[in-house]
C-alpha atoms as a PDB file:
ATOM      1  CA  MET A   1      38.594 163.064 170.016  1.00  0.00           C
ATOM      2  CA  THR A   2      35.197 164.710 170.823  1.00  0.00           C
ATOM      3  CA  GLN A   3      32.082 161.576 170.565  1.00  0.00           C
ATOM      4  CA  LYS A   4      28.817 162.274 169.003  1.00  0.00           C
ATOM      5  CA  ALA A   5      25.708 160.674 169.113  1.00  0.00           C
ATOM      6  CA  TYR A   6      25.545 159.143 166.174  1.00  0.00           C
ATOM      7  CA  THR A   7      21.772 157.339 165.165  1.00  0.00           C
ATOM      8  CA  LYS A   8      22.678 155.529 161.923  1.00  0.00           C
ATOM      9  CA  ALA A   9      25.692 154.829 159.633  1.00  0.00           C
ATOM     10  CA  ARG A  10      26.219 154.429 155.515  1.00  0.00           C
ATOM     11  CA  TYR A  11      29.129 153.030 153.606  1.00  0.00           C
ATOM     12  CA  ILE A  12      30.787 154.772 150.657  1.00  0.00           C
ATOM     13  CA  LYS A  13      32.811 153.210 148.339  1.00  0.00           C
ATOM     14  CA  LEU A  14      35.302 156.678 147.397  1.00  0.00           C
ATOM     15  CA  GLY A  15      35.342 155.772 143.617  1.00  0.00           C
ATOM     16  CA  ALA A  16      35.103 152.634 141.216  1.00  0.00           C
ATOM     17  CA  ARG A  17      37.393 150.301 142.774  1.00  0.00           C
ATOM     18  CA  GLY A  18      38.404 152.713 145.018  1.00  0.00           C
ATOM     19  CA  GLY A  19      40.312 154.632 142.741  1.00  0.00           C
ATOM     20  CA  TRP A  20      39.670 157.700 144.590  1.00  0.00           C
ATOM     21  CA  GLU A  21      40.277 156.503 148.018  1.00  0.00           C
ATOM     22  CA  ARG A  22      43.774 158.497 148.345  1.00  0.00           C
ATOM     23  CA  HIS A  23      42.705 161.869 147.004  1.00  0.00           C
ATOM     24  CA  CYS A  24      39.474 161.957 149.416  1.00  0.00           C
ATOM     25  CA  LEU A  25      41.028 160.820 152.366  1.00  0.00           C
ATOM     26  CA  GLU A  26      44.288 163.702 151.963  1.00  0.00           C
ATOM     27  CA  GLU A  27      41.487 166.079 151.201  1.00  0.00           C
ATOM     28  CA  GLY A  28      38.785 165.034 154.014  1.00  0.00           C
ATOM     29  CA  ILE A  29      35.945 164.980 151.240  1.00  0.00           C
ATOM     30  CA  ALA A  30      33.439 162.327 150.362  1.00  0.00           C
ATOM     31  CA  PRO A  31      32.496 162.327 146.401  1.00  0.00           C
ATOM     32  CA  LEU A  32      29.831 160.696 144.370  1.00  0.00           C
ATOM     33  CA  ALA A  33      29.793 159.916 140.392  1.00  0.00           C
ATOM     34  CA  TYR A  34      26.401 159.695 138.875  1.00  0.00           C
ATOM     35  CA  TYR A  35      27.253 162.154 136.472  1.00  0.00           C
ATOM     36  CA  ASP A  36      23.782 161.967 134.604  1.00  0.00           C
ATOM     37  CA  VAL A  37      21.733 163.184 137.511  1.00  0.00           C
ATOM     38  CA  PRO A  38      20.982 166.449 137.550  1.00  0.00           C
ATOM     39  CA  HIS A  39      21.989 168.500 141.150  1.00  0.00           C
ATOM     40  CA  ASP A  40      18.749 170.431 141.387  1.00  0.00           C
ATOM     41  CA  MET A  41      16.650 167.158 140.948  1.00  0.00           C
ATOM     42  CA  ALA A  42      18.740 165.394 143.593  1.00  0.00           C
ATOM     43  CA  LEU A  43      18.531 168.708 145.884  1.00  0.00           C
ATOM     44  CA  ALA A  44      14.579 168.429 145.314  1.00  0.00           C
ATOM     45  CA  GLY A  45      14.540 164.873 146.448  1.00  0.00           C
ATOM     46  CA  ASP A  46      12.586 163.731 143.510  1.00  0.00           C
ATOM     47  CA  LYS A  47      13.102 159.856 143.645  1.00  0.00           C
ATOM     48  CA  GLU A  48      10.724 159.271 140.796  1.00  0.00           C
ATOM     49  CA  ALA A  49      12.455 161.714 138.633  1.00  0.00           C
ATOM     50  CA  ILE A  50      15.822 160.006 139.538  1.00  0.00           C
ATOM     51  CA  ARG A  51      14.340 156.635 138.667  1.00  0.00           C
ATOM     52  CA  LYS A  52      13.292 157.231 135.142  1.00  0.00           C
ATOM     53  CA  VAL A  53      16.745 158.737 134.188  1.00  0.00           C
ATOM     54  CA  TYR A  54      18.016 155.520 134.803  1.00  0.00           C
ATOM     55  CA  LEU A  55      15.099 153.502 133.356  1.00  0.00           C
ATOM     56  CA  ASP A  56      15.198 155.527 130.532  1.00  0.00           C
ATOM     57  CA  LEU A  57      18.861 154.431 130.163  1.00  0.00           C
ATOM     58  CA  GLY A  58      17.667 150.990 129.976  1.00  0.00           C
ATOM     59  CA  LYS A  59      18.376 149.750 133.661  1.00  0.00           C
ATOM     60  CA  THR A  60      15.638 147.713 135.004  1.00  0.00           C
ATOM     61  CA  ALA A  61      13.472 148.866 137.750  1.00  0.00           C
ATOM     62  CA  SER A  62      15.009 147.421 140.521  1.00  0.00           C
ATOM     63  CA  THR A  63      18.835 149.183 139.523  1.00  0.00           C
ATOM     64  CA  ALA A  64      17.038 152.515 138.651  1.00  0.00           C
ATOM     65  CA  THR A  65      15.753 151.974 142.257  1.00  0.00           C
ATOM     66  CA  GLY A  66      18.940 151.187 143.765  1.00  0.00           C
ATOM     67  CA  HIS A  67      20.736 154.356 141.904  1.00  0.00           C
ATOM     68  CA  ALA A  68      17.946 156.654 143.427  1.00  0.00           C
ATOM     69  CA  ASN A  69      18.323 155.488 146.684  1.00  0.00           C
ATOM     70  CA  GLN A  70      22.344 155.661 146.639  1.00  0.00           C
ATOM     71  CA  ILE A  71      21.657 159.215 145.747  1.00  0.00           C
ATOM     72  CA  LEU A  72      18.952 160.888 147.779  1.00  0.00           C
ATOM     73  CA  SER A  73      20.988 158.934 151.111  1.00  0.00           C
ATOM     74  CA  PHE A  74      24.201 161.151 149.796  1.00  0.00           C
ATOM     75  CA  TYR A  75      22.298 164.018 149.639  1.00  0.00           C
ATOM     76  CA  ASP A  76      20.692 163.503 152.911  1.00  0.00           C
ATOM     77  CA  PRO A  77      22.018 166.293 155.407  1.00  0.00           C
ATOM     78  CA  ASP A  78      21.506 164.444 158.934  1.00  0.00           C
ATOM     79  CA  PRO A  79      24.275 165.304 160.853  1.00  0.00           C
ATOM     80  CA  ASP A  80      23.615 162.248 163.248  1.00  0.00           C
ATOM     81  CA  VAL A  81      24.455 160.126 159.996  1.00  0.00           C
ATOM     82  CA  LEU A  82      28.229 158.180 160.453  1.00  0.00           C
ATOM     83  CA  TRP A  83      29.838 157.326 157.204  1.00  0.00           C
ATOM     84  CA  ILE A  84      32.039 154.994 156.780  1.00  0.00           C
ATOM     85  CA  THR A  85      34.740 153.553 154.253  1.00  0.00           C
ATOM     86  CA  VAL A  86      37.777 150.883 153.921  1.00  0.00           C
ATOM     87  CA  SER A  87      41.041 151.667 152.844  1.00  0.00           C
ATOM     88  CA  GLY A  88      44.788 150.491 153.364  1.00  0.00           C
ATOM     89  CA  GLY A  89      43.820 147.790 155.591  1.00  0.00           C
ATOM     90  CA  SER A  90      41.690 150.417 158.044  1.00  0.00           C
ATOM     91  CA  LEU A  91      38.397 151.278 158.605  1.00  0.00           C
ATOM     92  CA  TRP A  92      38.037 155.005 158.380  1.00  0.00           C
ATOM     93  CA  TRP A  93      34.875 157.267 159.525  1.00  0.00           C
ATOM     94  CA  ALA A  94      33.879 160.744 159.168  1.00  0.00           C
ATOM     95  CA  GLY A  95      30.825 163.317 159.722  1.00  0.00           C
ATOM     96  CA  LEU A  96      29.818 164.498 156.583  1.00  0.00           C
ATOM     97  CA  ALA A  97      28.820 168.472 156.325  1.00  0.00           C
ATOM     98  CA  PRO A  98      24.930 168.556 154.967  1.00  0.00           C
ATOM     99  CA  LYS A  99      25.989 170.804 151.845  1.00  0.00           C
ATOM    100  CA  VAL A 100      26.434 168.810 148.316  1.00  0.00           C
ATOM    101  CA  GLU A 101      28.965 171.196 146.326  1.00  0.00           C
ATOM    102  CA  TYR A 102      27.871 170.179 142.745  1.00  0.00           C
ATOM    103  CA  LEU A 103      30.935 170.141 140.232  1.00  0.00           C
ATOM    104  CA  GLY A 104      29.362 169.458 136.818  1.00  0.00           C
ATOM    105  CA  SER A 105      27.661 166.366 134.717  1.00  0.00           C
ATOM    106  CA  ASP A 106      31.353 165.997 132.559  1.00  0.00           C
ATOM    107  CA  PRO A 107      33.206 163.058 133.699  1.00  0.00           C
ATOM    108  CA  GLU A 108      35.812 164.039 131.318  1.00  0.00           C
ATOM    109  CA  GLN A 109      36.307 167.458 133.516  1.00  0.00           C
ATOM    110  CA  ASN A 110      35.612 166.370 136.665  1.00  0.00           C
ATOM    111  CA  PRO A 111      37.276 162.453 136.806  1.00  0.00           C
ATOM    112  CA  GLN A 112      36.719 162.645 140.771  1.00  0.00           C
ATOM    113  CA  GLY A 113      33.033 162.845 140.598  1.00  0.00           C
ATOM    114  CA  SER A 114      30.268 164.808 139.892  1.00  0.00           C
ATOM    115  CA  ARG A 115      29.817 166.529 143.349  1.00  0.00           C
ATOM    116  CA  PHE A 116      31.113 165.737 146.427  1.00  0.00           C
ATOM    117  CA  ARG A 117      30.609 166.541 150.495  1.00  0.00           C
ATOM    118  CA  ARG A 118      33.127 167.899 152.750  1.00  0.00           C
ATOM    119  CA  THR A 119      33.833 166.079 156.289  1.00  0.00           C
ATOM    120  CA  MET A 120      33.309 167.698 159.540  1.00  0.00           C
ATOM    121  CA  SER A 121      36.971 166.936 160.938  1.00  0.00           C
ATOM    122  CA  GLY A 122      38.624 164.805 158.277  1.00  0.00           C
ATOM    123  CA  TRP A 123      38.468 160.843 157.588  1.00  0.00           C
ATOM    124  CA  HIS A 124      39.514 159.146 160.818  1.00  0.00           C
ATOM    125  CA  ARG A 125      40.909 155.609 161.128  1.00  0.00           C
ATOM    126  CA  VAL A 126      41.101 155.194 165.137  1.00  0.00           C
ATOM    127  CA  SER A 127      38.605 155.057 167.664  1.00  0.00           C
ATOM    128  CA  PHE A 128      37.381 158.113 169.843  1.00  0.00           C
ATOM    129  CA  ASN A 129      40.187 157.115 172.110  1.00  0.00           C
ATOM    130  CA  ASP A 130      43.028 156.707 169.334  1.00  0.00           C
ATOM    131  CA  THR A 131      42.966 152.802 168.788  1.00  0.00           C
ATOM    132  CA  PRO A 132      43.610 151.932 164.981  1.00  0.00           C
ATOM    133  CA  LEU A 133      40.592 150.374 163.599  1.00  0.00           C
ATOM    134  CA  LEU A 134      42.416 147.419 161.687  1.00  0.00           C
ATOM    135  CA  VAL A 135      40.725 145.470 159.044  1.00  0.00           C
ATOM    136  CA  GLY A 136      42.107 142.289 160.521  1.00  0.00           C
ATOM    137  CA  GLU A 137      40.999 143.146 163.775  1.00  0.00           C
ATOM    138  CA  LEU A 138      37.432 143.352 162.859  1.00  0.00           C
ATOM    139  CA  SER A 139      34.374 141.374 162.615  1.00  0.00           C
ATOM    140  CA  GLY A 140      33.665 140.110 159.654  1.00  0.00           C
ATOM    141  CA  ASN A 141      30.668 140.842 159.669  1.00  0.00           C
ATOM    142  CA  LEU A 142      31.067 144.597 159.639  1.00  0.00           C
ATOM    143  CA  THR A 143      34.722 144.666 156.960  1.00  0.00           C
ATOM    144  CA  LYS A 144      32.366 142.697 154.405  1.00  0.00           C
ATOM    145  CA  ILE A 145      30.677 145.734 153.228  1.00  0.00           C
ATOM    146  CA  SER A 146      33.696 146.540 151.521  1.00  0.00           C
ATOM    147  CA  ALA A 147      32.558 143.896 149.113  1.00  0.00           C
ATOM    148  CA  TYR A 148      29.319 146.059 148.370  1.00  0.00           C
ATOM    149  CA  GLN A 149      28.676 146.116 144.660  1.00  0.00           C
ATOM    150  CA  GLY A 150      27.499 149.869 144.963  1.00  0.00           C
ATOM    151  CA  THR A 151      28.734 152.921 146.073  1.00  0.00           C
ATOM    152  CA  ILE A 152      26.390 153.612 149.095  1.00  0.00           C
ATOM    153  CA  CYS A 153      24.633 151.234 151.515  1.00  0.00           C
ATOM    154  CA  THR A 154      23.260 151.741 155.221  1.00  0.00           C
ATOM    155  CA  LEU A 155      24.483 149.450 157.911  1.00  0.00           C
ATOM    156  CA  ASP A 156      22.369 147.273 159.535  1.00  0.00           C
ATOM    157  CA  ILE A 157      21.467 147.457 163.555  1.00  0.00           C
ATOM    158  CA  ALA A 158      24.101 144.397 164.332  1.00  0.00           C
ATOM    159  CA  GLN A 159      26.778 146.064 162.381  1.00  0.00           C
ATOM    160  CA  PHE A 160      25.834 149.736 163.530  1.00  0.00           C
ATOM    161  CA  ASP A 161      25.995 148.479 167.050  1.00  0.00           C
ATOM    162  CA  TYR A 162      29.222 146.816 166.608  1.00  0.00           C
ATOM    163  CA  LEU A 163      30.853 149.947 164.910  1.00  0.00           C
ATOM    164  CA  LEU A 164      29.833 151.912 167.719  1.00  0.00           C
ATOM    165  CA  ARG A 165      31.086 149.885 170.392  1.00  0.00           C
ATOM    166  CA  LYS A 166      34.504 149.963 168.646  1.00  0.00           C
ATOM    167  CA  LEU A 167      34.968 153.397 168.196  1.00  0.00           C
ATOM    168  CA  ARG A 168      34.156 153.818 172.201  1.00  0.00           C
ATOM    169  CA  ASP A 169      36.567 151.007 172.867  1.00  0.00           C
ATOM    170  CA  GLU A 170      33.474 148.949 174.600  1.00  0.00           C
ATOM    171  CA  ASP A 171      33.722 144.972 174.140  1.00  0.00           C
ATOM    172  CA  LEU A 172      30.350 142.581 174.040  1.00  0.00           C
ATOM    173  CA  PRO A 173      29.704 141.142 178.231  1.00  0.00           C
ATOM    174  CA  GLU A 174      30.805 138.045 176.520  1.00  0.00           C
ATOM    175  CA  ILE A 175      33.801 139.271 174.973  1.00  0.00           C
ATOM    176  CA  THR A 176      34.757 140.920 178.667  1.00  0.00           C
ATOM    177  CA  ALA A 177      33.746 137.618 180.561  1.00  0.00           C
ATOM    178  CA  ALA A 178      36.253 135.877 177.770  1.00  0.00           C
ATOM    179  CA  GLN A 179      39.037 138.309 178.680  1.00  0.00           C
ATOM    180  CA  GLU A 180      38.598 137.830 182.390  1.00  0.00           C
ATOM    181  CA  ALA A 181      38.889 133.853 182.097  1.00  0.00           C
ATOM    182  CA  ARG A 182      42.016 134.608 180.572  1.00  0.00           C
ATOM    183  CA  ARG A 183      43.753 136.684 183.192  1.00  0.00           C
ATOM    184  CA  GLN A 184      42.518 133.951 185.570  1.00  0.00           C
ATOM    185  CA  LEU A 185      43.991 131.202 183.301  1.00  0.00           C
ATOM    186  CA  LEU A 186      47.310 133.262 182.802  1.00  0.00           C
ATOM    187  CA  ALA A 187      47.783 133.472 186.436  1.00  0.00           C
ATOM    188  CA  THR A 188      47.001 129.914 187.564  1.00  0.00           C
ATOM    189  CA  THR A 189      49.536 129.037 184.603  1.00  0.00           C
ATOM    190  CA  GLU A 190      52.150 130.782 186.080  1.00  0.00           C
ATOM    191  CA  GLU A 191      52.039 129.228 189.686  1.00  0.00           C
ATOM    192  CA  VAL A 192      52.088 126.057 187.952  1.00  0.00           C
ATOM    193  CA  ILE A 193      54.848 126.751 186.125  1.00  0.00           C
ATOM    194  CA  LYS A 194      56.546 127.931 189.148  1.00  0.00           C
ATOM    195  CA  ILE A 195      55.832 123.962 191.102  1.00  0.00           C
ATOM    196  CA  LEU A 196      57.713 122.284 188.014  1.00  0.00           C
ATOM    197  CA  THR A 197      60.948 120.185 188.676  1.00  0.00           C
ATOM    198  CA  TRP A 198      63.943 121.830 187.358  1.00  0.00           C
ATOM    199  CA  GLN A 199      64.098 119.163 184.857  1.00  0.00           C
ATOM    200  CA  ASP A 200      60.426 119.749 183.637  1.00  0.00           C
ATOM    201  CA  PHE A 201      60.859 123.565 183.463  1.00  0.00           C
ATOM    202  CA  GLU A 202      63.778 122.814 181.223  1.00  0.00           C
ATOM    203  CA  LEU A 203      61.659 120.461 179.470  1.00  0.00           C
ATOM    204  CA  PHE A 204      58.861 123.163 178.661  1.00  0.00           C
ATOM    205  CA  THR A 205      61.597 125.515 177.906  1.00  0.00           C
ATOM    206  CA  GLU A 206      62.650 123.221 174.851  1.00  0.00           C
ATOM    207  CA  LEU A 207      58.852 122.229 174.090  1.00  0.00           C
ATOM    208  CA  LEU A 208      57.876 126.153 174.001  1.00  0.00           C
ATOM    209  CA  PHE A 209      60.964 126.744 171.766  1.00  0.00           C
ATOM    210  CA  SER A 210      60.368 124.202 169.365  1.00  0.00           C
ATOM    211  CA  ARG A 211      56.252 125.276 169.087  1.00  0.00           C
ATOM    212  CA  SER A 212      57.861 128.613 167.971  1.00  0.00           C
ATOM    213  CA  GLY A 213      59.827 126.681 165.192  1.00  0.00           C
ATOM    214  CA  TRP A 214      63.113 126.671 166.868  1.00  0.00           C
ATOM    215  CA  GLN A 215      65.161 123.210 166.802  1.00  0.00           C
ATOM    216  CA  ARG A 216      67.694 122.426 169.535  1.00  0.00           C
ATOM    217  CA  ILE A 217      71.334 121.992 168.430  1.00  0.00           C
ATOM    218  CA  SER A 218      72.974 120.908 171.370  1.00  0.00           C
ATOM    219  CA  SER A 219      73.082 121.472 175.332  1.00  0.00           C
ATOM    220  CA  LEU A 220      75.744 123.693 175.940  1.00  0.00           C
ATOM    221  CA  GLY A 221      77.071 122.630 179.608  1.00  0.00           C
ATOM    222  CA  GLY A 222      75.869 123.832 182.525  1.00  0.00           C
ATOM    223  CA  THR A 223      75.344 122.878 186.223  1.00  0.00           C
ATOM    224  CA  GLN A 224      72.474 120.664 187.942  1.00  0.00           C
ATOM    225  CA  LYS A 225      69.120 123.472 187.584  1.00  0.00           C
ATOM    226  CA  THR A 226      70.373 125.455 185.053  1.00  0.00           C
ATOM    227  CA  LEU A 227      71.197 124.134 181.170  1.00  0.00           C
ATOM    228  CA  ASP A 228      72.233 126.560 178.626  1.00  0.00           C
ATOM    229  CA  LEU A 229      70.342 125.501 175.005  1.00  0.00           C
ATOM    230  CA  GLU A 230      71.673 126.359 171.422  1.00  0.00           C
ATOM    231  CA  LEU A 231      68.935 126.699 169.031  1.00  0.00           C
ATOM    232  CA  LEU A 232      68.508 127.311 165.254  1.00  0.00           C
ATOM    233  CA  LEU A 233      65.742 128.780 163.096  1.00  0.00           C
ATOM    234  CA  PRO A 234      65.642 127.092 159.937  1.00  0.00           C
ATOM    235  CA  THR A 235      63.167 129.799 158.347  1.00  0.00           C
ATOM    236  CA  THR A 236      65.582 132.296 158.913  1.00  0.00           C
ATOM    237  CA  GLY A 237      69.257 130.649 159.985  1.00  0.00           C
ATOM    238  CA  GLU A 238      68.830 132.658 163.185  1.00  0.00           C
ATOM    239  CA  ARG A 239      70.911 130.981 166.222  1.00  0.00           C
ATOM    240  CA  ALA A 240      69.973 131.089 169.498  1.00  0.00           C
ATOM    241  CA  ILE A 241      71.211 130.708 172.888  1.00  0.00           C
ATOM    242  CA  VAL A 242      68.789 130.363 175.925  1.00  0.00           C
ATOM    243  CA  GLN A 243      69.971 130.100 179.230  1.00  0.00           C
ATOM    244  CA  VAL A 244      67.250 128.318 181.595  1.00  0.00           C
ATOM    245  CA  LYS A 245      66.852 128.670 185.388  1.00  0.00           C
ATOM    246  CA  SER A 246      64.016 128.305 187.660  1.00  0.00           C
ATOM    247  CA  ALA A 247      64.830 130.796 189.944  1.00  0.00           C
ATOM    248  CA  THR A 248      67.706 133.565 189.702  1.00  0.00           C
ATOM    249  CA  SER A 249      68.580 136.666 190.912  1.00  0.00           C
ATOM    250  CA  GLN A 250      69.954 139.787 189.347  1.00  0.00           C
ATOM    251  CA  ALA A 251      73.451 139.220 190.325  1.00  0.00           C
ATOM    252  CA  GLN A 252      73.275 135.741 188.298  1.00  0.00           C
ATOM    253  CA  LEU A 253      72.283 137.415 185.321  1.00  0.00           C
ATOM    254  CA  ASP A 254      74.574 140.083 185.378  1.00  0.00           C
ATOM    255  CA  ASP A 255      77.020 137.121 185.330  1.00  0.00           C
ATOM    256  CA  TYR A 256      75.389 135.675 182.351  1.00  0.00           C
ATOM    257  CA  ILE A 257      75.798 139.026 180.971  1.00  0.00           C
ATOM    258  CA  ASP A 258      79.480 138.867 181.039  1.00  0.00           C
ATOM    259  CA  ARG A 259      79.689 135.702 179.857  1.00  0.00           C
ATOM    260  CA  PHE A 260      77.427 135.670 176.888  1.00  0.00           C
ATOM    261  CA  GLY A 261      79.439 137.742 174.392  1.00  0.00           C
ATOM    262  CA  ALA A 262      81.795 134.723 174.335  1.00  0.00           C
ATOM    263  CA  MET A 263      78.733 132.655 172.754  1.00  0.00           C
ATOM    264  CA  ALA A 264      78.365 133.750 168.900  1.00  0.00           C
ATOM    265  CA  ALA A 265      74.628 133.691 168.521  1.00  0.00           C
ATOM    266  CA  ASP A 266      71.808 136.109 166.549  1.00  0.00           C
ATOM    267  CA  LYS A 267      69.386 136.092 169.697  1.00  0.00           C
ATOM    268  CA  TYR A 268      70.258 135.641 173.934  1.00  0.00           C
ATOM    269  CA  PHE A 269      67.655 134.306 175.549  1.00  0.00           C
ATOM    270  CA  TYR A 270      67.424 134.309 179.657  1.00  0.00           C
ATOM    271  CA  VAL A 271      64.549 132.000 180.435  1.00  0.00           C
ATOM    272  CA  TYR A 272      63.004 131.896 184.399  1.00  0.00           C
ATOM    273  CA  HIS A 273      60.156 131.382 186.403  1.00  0.00           C
ATOM    274  CA  SER A 274      61.147 133.038 190.125  1.00  0.00           C
ATOM    275  CA  SER A 275      63.218 136.356 190.991  1.00  0.00           C
ATOM    276  CA  LYS A 276      63.126 138.011 194.746  1.00  0.00           C
ATOM    277  CA  GLN A 277      63.705 141.151 192.414  1.00  0.00           C
ATOM    278  CA  LYS A 278      62.926 142.754 189.060  1.00  0.00           C
ATOM    279  CA  LEU A 279      65.586 141.508 186.793  1.00  0.00           C
ATOM    280  CA  ASP A 280      67.191 144.416 184.375  1.00  0.00           C
ATOM    281  CA  ALA A 281      69.143 143.229 181.241  1.00  0.00           C
ATOM    282  CA  GLY A 282      69.867 146.680 180.101  1.00  0.00           C
ATOM    283  CA  ASP A 283      71.184 147.241 177.028  1.00  0.00           C
ATOM    284  CA  SER A 284      72.778 144.142 176.973  1.00  0.00           C
ATOM    285  CA  GLY A 285      70.472 142.541 174.278  1.00  0.00           C
ATOM    286  CA  ILE A 286      69.241 139.606 176.142  1.00  0.00           C
ATOM    287  CA  LEU A 287      65.506 138.761 176.067  1.00  0.00           C
ATOM    288  CA  LEU A 288      64.072 137.875 179.214  1.00  0.00           C
ATOM    289  CA  MET A 289      61.566 135.632 179.763  1.00  0.00           C
ATOM    290  CA  ASP A 290      59.574 135.336 183.272  1.00  0.00           C
ATOM    291  CA  ALA A 291      56.644 133.915 184.936  1.00  0.00           C
ATOM    292  CA  PRO A 292      53.918 136.131 182.879  1.00  0.00           C
ATOM    293  CA  ALA A 293      55.909 135.812 179.270  1.00  0.00           C
ATOM    294  CA  LEU A 294      56.227 131.921 180.035  1.00  0.00           C
ATOM    295  CA  ALA A 295      52.367 131.590 181.008  1.00  0.00           C
ATOM    296  CA  ASP A 296      51.257 133.777 177.780  1.00  0.00           C
ATOM    297  CA  GLN A 297      53.639 131.912 175.548  1.00  0.00           C
ATOM    298  CA  ALA A 298      52.295 128.541 176.723  1.00  0.00           C
ATOM    299  CA  LEU A 299      48.526 129.518 176.104  1.00  0.00           C
ATOM    300  CA  LYS A 300      49.710 130.490 172.828  1.00  0.00           C
ATOM    301  CA  SER A 301      51.327 127.708 171.845  1.00  0.00           C
ATOM    302  CA  GLY A 302      48.874 124.864 173.362  1.00  0.00           C
ATOM    303  CA  LEU A 303      50.802 123.925 176.356  1.00  0.00           C
ATOM    304  CA  VAL A 304      48.743 124.469 178.992  1.00  0.00           C
ATOM    305  CA  ASP A 305      47.352 121.261 179.291  1.00  0.00           C
ATOM    306  CA  TRP A 306      50.927 119.449 179.450  1.00  0.00           C
ATOM    307  CA  LEU A 307      51.545 122.046 182.335  1.00  0.00           C
ATOM    308  CA  ILE A 308      48.710 120.631 184.107  1.00  0.00           C
ATOM    309  CA  THR A 309      49.514 117.064 183.840  1.00  0.00           C
ATOM    310  CA  LYS A 310      53.252 117.306 184.628  1.00  0.00           C
ATOM    311  CA  ALA A 311      52.388 119.350 187.662  1.00  0.00           C
ATOM    312  CA  ALA A 312      49.171 116.990 188.766  1.00  0.00           C
END
């Protein structure tokens, strides 16, 4: 996606309570109501005349000024302004064509706005590199703008800078440092897992599953350094068989694949931390959990300190 050098950004609400969102996103337009303001008055940028319209309608001076500012922002033809909105759990952005197309002052004849601007290339809900812009993954300092009571407002400097970084898939230096620290912690945690005794590795595996809500029903036997666990997930009633091995091989996995069909369960896990070759479970349905996967789950489940204590 072609990047453009934007200098500011504005939020626009697509209709009262977002009532025009679907139509606008599909049609690639940004509408405005304000049926009481003549098109020529807005084109002329006559702020005082627009204020007087709303003062005559009984609005307060500050409210009238707010309406005038929003209308003039909409008529601003600056091509370097980025427009955003929030809909369906995503943040959307677009560049708008400079021309404002006027429809009329009758809301019954034009129920979706008195005027509109077309987007340059439609509304987008992904970054310049096609990363989804999900509201749940964005800073609340930016997404709180969707609670704005008016129709149009300009992003402050911090919000604008953050928005540009998300569109460019850039991180703050602090975030980059934190991500690197996490990568190093995961790599070190993998090595700690590999030096556990086989008894502690089995206990670690059971703790890992229990932190995810699984409950141990029974041990299904096995030999020293290998253990089968039967687990139950109470929330769904699912049953799982977990085979735990410290070091393993493709041959051992293949043998397990041949045997697991006789074990009635909804899920099958093969947990290990070391292998001389990359294991492949094919289309058996067995879920493999190796050292990297275990380290990631340990970090998410709060078991890193436990691992350090056990391995020390």
